[in-house]
Amino acid sequence: MRGAHQRGSEKTFASSGPLTVLKLSKADQDMRFDVPVVGLSTIQVMAEAGATCLCISAGKTLMFDRDEMVSLADQNKIAIVAV
């Protein structure tokens, strides 16, 4: 991850402003073998990094633990947008 620094088992992030995370599928991506996935750990890492928005491919992204993920995003003021 760009801007991430590993220190022992702990990651630190260098950010100069709001971050948006894109989790999008490619136009020619073979969805049988390679599907974009998001879940609780996605939101946890985003919160640690100071990210404020998660942008996913509508209808082409697997969301694990969706209700808990949305709740955690809300708690951390992270918007989730499907395009």
N, C-alpha and C. Protein backbone atom coordinates (compact mmCIF):
# COMPACT_ATOMS: atom_id res chain seq x y z
N MET A 1 0.85 -1.17 0.00
CA MET A 1 0.00 0.00 0.00
C MET A 1 0.90 1.23 0.00
N ARG A 2 0.63 2.12 -0.91
CA ARG A 2 1.42 3.34 -1.00
C ARG A 2 1.20 4.19 0.25
N GLY A 3 2.29 4.66 0.81
CA GLY A 3 2.17 5.49 1.99
C GLY A 3 2.14 4.69 3.29
N ALA A 4 2.16 3.36 3.18
CA ALA A 4 2.14 2.52 4.38
C ALA A 4 3.57 2.18 4.77
N HIS A 5 3.83 2.18 6.04
CA HIS A 5 5.15 1.84 6.56
C HIS A 5 4.99 0.73 7.59
N GLN A 6 5.78 -0.31 7.45
CA GLN A 6 5.72 -1.43 8.38
C GLN A 6 6.74 -1.20 9.49
N ARG A 7 6.30 -1.28 10.73
CA ARG A 7 7.17 -1.16 11.88
C ARG A 7 6.85 -2.33 12.80
N GLY A 8 7.69 -3.39 12.74
CA GLY A 8 7.39 -4.60 13.50
C GLY A 8 6.11 -5.21 12.97
N SER A 9 5.15 -5.48 13.84
CA SER A 9 3.87 -6.01 13.41
C SER A 9 2.83 -4.90 13.28
N GLU A 10 3.28 -3.66 13.35
CA GLU A 10 2.39 -2.51 13.34
C GLU A 10 2.60 -1.69 12.07
N LYS A 11 1.52 -1.30 11.42
CA LYS A 11 1.62 -0.45 10.24
C LYS A 11 1.33 0.99 10.63
N THR A 12 2.06 1.90 10.04
CA THR A 12 1.76 3.31 10.19
C THR A 12 1.52 3.87 8.79
N PHE A 13 0.69 4.88 8.67
CA PHE A 13 0.32 5.43 7.38
C PHE A 13 0.68 6.90 7.32
N ALA A 14 1.21 7.30 6.17
CA ALA A 14 1.51 8.70 5.93
C ALA A 14 0.47 9.24 4.96
N SER A 15 -0.29 10.22 5.40
CA SER A 15 -1.35 10.78 4.56
C SER A 15 -1.27 12.30 4.60
N SER A 16 -1.47 12.90 3.43
CA SER A 16 -1.45 14.35 3.38
C SER A 16 -2.85 14.92 3.24
N GLY A 17 -3.88 14.09 3.35
CA GLY A 17 -5.25 14.56 3.23
C GLY A 17 -6.21 13.40 3.14
N PRO A 18 -7.48 13.69 2.84
CA PRO A 18 -8.49 12.63 2.75
C PRO A 18 -8.12 11.58 1.70
N LEU A 19 -8.42 10.33 2.00
CA LEU A 19 -8.12 9.23 1.09
C LEU A 19 -9.40 8.57 0.63
N THR A 20 -9.44 8.18 -0.64
CA THR A 20 -10.52 7.37 -1.18
C THR A 20 -9.92 6.06 -1.65
N VAL A 21 -10.53 4.96 -1.26
CA VAL A 21 -10.07 3.63 -1.66
C VAL A 21 -10.98 3.14 -2.78
N LEU A 22 -10.38 2.72 -3.91
CA LEU A 22 -11.13 2.19 -5.03
C LEU A 22 -10.97 0.68 -5.08
N LYS A 23 -12.08 -0.01 -5.10
CA LYS A 23 -12.08 -1.48 -5.21
C LYS A 23 -12.97 -1.80 -6.40
N LEU A 24 -12.39 -1.71 -7.60
CA LEU A 24 -13.16 -1.82 -8.83
C LEU A 24 -12.69 -3.00 -9.66
N SER A 25 -13.61 -3.56 -10.43
CA SER A 25 -13.23 -4.63 -11.35
C SER A 25 -12.85 -4.02 -12.69
N LYS A 26 -11.97 -4.70 -13.40
CA LYS A 26 -11.58 -4.26 -14.73
C LYS A 26 -12.68 -4.63 -15.71
N ALA A 27 -12.74 -3.93 -16.82
CA ALA A 27 -13.77 -4.18 -17.83
C ALA A 27 -13.71 -5.62 -18.34
N ASP A 28 -12.52 -6.19 -18.48
CA ASP A 28 -12.37 -7.54 -19.01
C ASP A 28 -12.03 -8.57 -17.93
N GLN A 29 -12.29 -8.25 -16.68
CA GLN A 29 -11.96 -9.13 -15.56
C GLN A 29 -12.82 -10.39 -15.59
N ASP A 30 -12.20 -11.55 -15.41
CA ASP A 30 -12.92 -12.81 -15.39
C ASP A 30 -13.50 -13.01 -13.99
N MET A 31 -14.79 -12.74 -13.85
CA MET A 31 -15.44 -12.76 -12.55
C MET A 31 -15.59 -14.18 -11.99
N ARG A 32 -15.26 -15.19 -12.77
CA ARG A 32 -15.30 -16.57 -12.25
C ARG A 32 -14.13 -16.82 -11.29
N PHE A 33 -13.03 -16.10 -11.49
CA PHE A 33 -11.81 -16.39 -10.74
C PHE A 33 -11.27 -15.21 -9.92
N ASP A 34 -11.67 -14.01 -10.28
CA ASP A 34 -11.07 -12.83 -9.67
C ASP A 34 -12.15 -11.79 -9.39
N VAL A 35 -12.71 -11.83 -8.20
CA VAL A 35 -13.81 -10.95 -7.83
C VAL A 35 -13.32 -9.97 -6.75
N PRO A 36 -13.59 -8.65 -6.91
CA PRO A 36 -13.24 -7.72 -5.85
C PRO A 36 -14.01 -8.05 -4.56
N VAL A 37 -13.32 -7.99 -3.43
CA VAL A 37 -13.92 -8.36 -2.13
C VAL A 37 -13.61 -7.26 -1.12
N VAL A 38 -14.62 -6.90 -0.31
CA VAL A 38 -14.44 -5.98 0.80
C VAL A 38 -15.11 -6.57 2.03
N GLY A 39 -14.67 -6.12 3.20
CA GLY A 39 -15.25 -6.61 4.44
C GLY A 39 -14.81 -5.76 5.61
N LEU A 40 -14.97 -6.30 6.80
CA LEU A 40 -14.62 -5.57 8.02
C LEU A 40 -13.16 -5.12 8.03
N SER A 41 -12.26 -5.99 7.59
CA SER A 41 -10.84 -5.62 7.62
C SER A 41 -10.55 -4.47 6.66
N THR A 42 -11.30 -4.39 5.56
CA THR A 42 -11.14 -3.26 4.64
C THR A 42 -11.43 -1.96 5.36
N ILE A 43 -12.55 -1.92 6.08
CA ILE A 43 -12.95 -0.70 6.80
C ILE A 43 -11.99 -0.41 7.95
N GLN A 44 -11.53 -1.44 8.65
CA GLN A 44 -10.60 -1.25 9.76
C GLN A 44 -9.31 -0.60 9.28
N VAL A 45 -8.75 -1.10 8.18
CA VAL A 45 -7.51 -0.54 7.64
C VAL A 45 -7.75 0.87 7.12
N MET A 46 -8.89 1.08 6.48
CA MET A 46 -9.22 2.42 6.00
C MET A 46 -9.30 3.42 7.15
N ALA A 47 -9.94 3.02 8.24
CA ALA A 47 -10.07 3.90 9.41
C ALA A 47 -8.69 4.24 9.98
N GLU A 48 -7.82 3.24 10.06
CA GLU A 48 -6.47 3.47 10.56
C GLU A 48 -5.69 4.42 9.66
N ALA A 49 -5.95 4.36 8.36
CA ALA A 49 -5.23 5.18 7.40
C ALA A 49 -5.84 6.56 7.22
N GLY A 50 -7.02 6.79 7.80
CA GLY A 50 -7.69 8.07 7.66
C GLY A 50 -8.49 8.21 6.38
N ALA A 51 -8.79 7.09 5.73
CA ALA A 51 -9.59 7.12 4.51
C ALA A 51 -11.03 7.51 4.82
N THR A 52 -11.67 8.21 3.90
CA THR A 52 -13.02 8.70 4.14
C THR A 52 -14.06 8.16 3.16
N CYS A 53 -13.62 7.42 2.12
CA CYS A 53 -14.57 6.93 1.13
C CYS A 53 -14.08 5.62 0.53
N LEU A 54 -15.00 4.66 0.39
CA LEU A 54 -14.74 3.39 -0.29
C LEU A 54 -15.62 3.35 -1.52
N CYS A 55 -15.00 3.22 -2.69
CA CYS A 55 -15.74 3.17 -3.95
C CYS A 55 -15.62 1.75 -4.51
N ILE A 56 -16.77 1.10 -4.73
CA ILE A 56 -16.79 -0.28 -5.21
C ILE A 56 -17.58 -0.38 -6.52
N SER A 57 -17.37 -1.49 -7.25
CA SER A 57 -18.12 -1.76 -8.47
C SER A 57 -19.49 -2.31 -8.10
N ALA A 58 -20.55 -1.60 -8.49
CA ALA A 58 -21.91 -2.05 -8.20
C ALA A 58 -22.20 -3.38 -8.88
N GLY A 59 -22.68 -4.33 -8.11
CA GLY A 59 -23.05 -5.64 -8.64
C GLY A 59 -21.87 -6.53 -8.97
N LYS A 60 -20.65 -6.08 -8.71
CA LYS A 60 -19.46 -6.88 -9.04
C LYS A 60 -18.47 -6.98 -7.90
N THR A 61 -18.90 -6.62 -6.69
CA THR A 61 -18.02 -6.68 -5.52
C THR A 61 -18.68 -7.51 -4.43
N LEU A 62 -17.95 -8.47 -3.89
CA LEU A 62 -18.47 -9.25 -2.76
C LEU A 62 -18.25 -8.46 -1.49
N MET A 63 -19.31 -8.36 -0.68
CA MET A 63 -19.22 -7.67 0.61
C MET A 63 -19.47 -8.69 1.70
N PHE A 64 -18.43 -9.01 2.46
CA PHE A 64 -18.57 -9.94 3.57
C PHE A 64 -18.99 -9.18 4.82
N ASP A 65 -19.86 -9.78 5.61
CA ASP A 65 -20.36 -9.18 6.85
C ASP A 65 -20.89 -7.77 6.58
N ARG A 66 -21.76 -7.67 5.56
CA ARG A 66 -22.23 -6.38 5.04
C ARG A 66 -22.77 -5.46 6.13
N ASP A 67 -23.70 -5.94 6.95
CA ASP A 67 -24.30 -5.08 7.97
C ASP A 67 -23.27 -4.55 8.96
N GLU A 68 -22.38 -5.43 9.42
CA GLU A 68 -21.34 -5.01 10.35
C GLU A 68 -20.36 -4.06 9.68
N MET A 69 -20.08 -4.32 8.40
CA MET A 69 -19.16 -3.47 7.65
C MET A 69 -19.73 -2.05 7.50
N VAL A 70 -20.99 -1.95 7.14
CA VAL A 70 -21.63 -0.65 6.99
C VAL A 70 -21.68 0.07 8.33
N SER A 71 -21.97 -0.65 9.40
CA SER A 71 -22.01 -0.06 10.73
C SER A 71 -20.64 0.49 11.13
N LEU A 72 -19.59 -0.29 10.89
CA LEU A 72 -18.24 0.16 11.21
C LEU A 72 -17.85 1.36 10.35
N ALA A 73 -18.24 1.36 9.09
CA ALA A 73 -17.98 2.51 8.22
C ALA A 73 -18.69 3.75 8.75
N ASP A 74 -19.94 3.59 9.17
CA ASP A 74 -20.69 4.72 9.74
C ASP A 74 -20.00 5.26 10.99
N GLN A 75 -19.56 4.37 11.86
CA GLN A 75 -18.89 4.78 13.10
C GLN A 75 -17.63 5.58 12.81
N ASN A 76 -16.96 5.25 11.69
CA ASN A 76 -15.69 5.89 11.34
C ASN A 76 -15.86 6.98 10.28
N LYS A 77 -17.12 7.34 10.00
CA LYS A 77 -17.43 8.38 9.02
C LYS A 77 -16.81 8.09 7.66
N ILE A 78 -16.94 6.82 7.23
CA ILE A 78 -16.45 6.40 5.92
C ILE A 78 -17.66 6.15 5.02
N ALA A 79 -17.71 6.86 3.90
CA ALA A 79 -18.78 6.69 2.92
C ALA A 79 -18.47 5.48 2.04
N ILE A 80 -19.51 4.72 1.68
CA ILE A 80 -19.36 3.62 0.74
C ILE A 80 -20.20 3.96 -0.48
N VAL A 81 -19.55 4.01 -1.65
CA VAL A 81 -20.22 4.41 -2.88
C VAL A 81 -20.06 3.29 -3.91
N ALA A 82 -21.17 2.90 -4.55
CA ALA A 82 -21.13 1.90 -5.61
C ALA A 82 -21.33 2.57 -6.94
N VAL A 83 -20.43 2.31 -7.89
CA VAL A 83 -20.53 2.91 -9.23
C VAL A 83 -20.63 1.84 -10.29
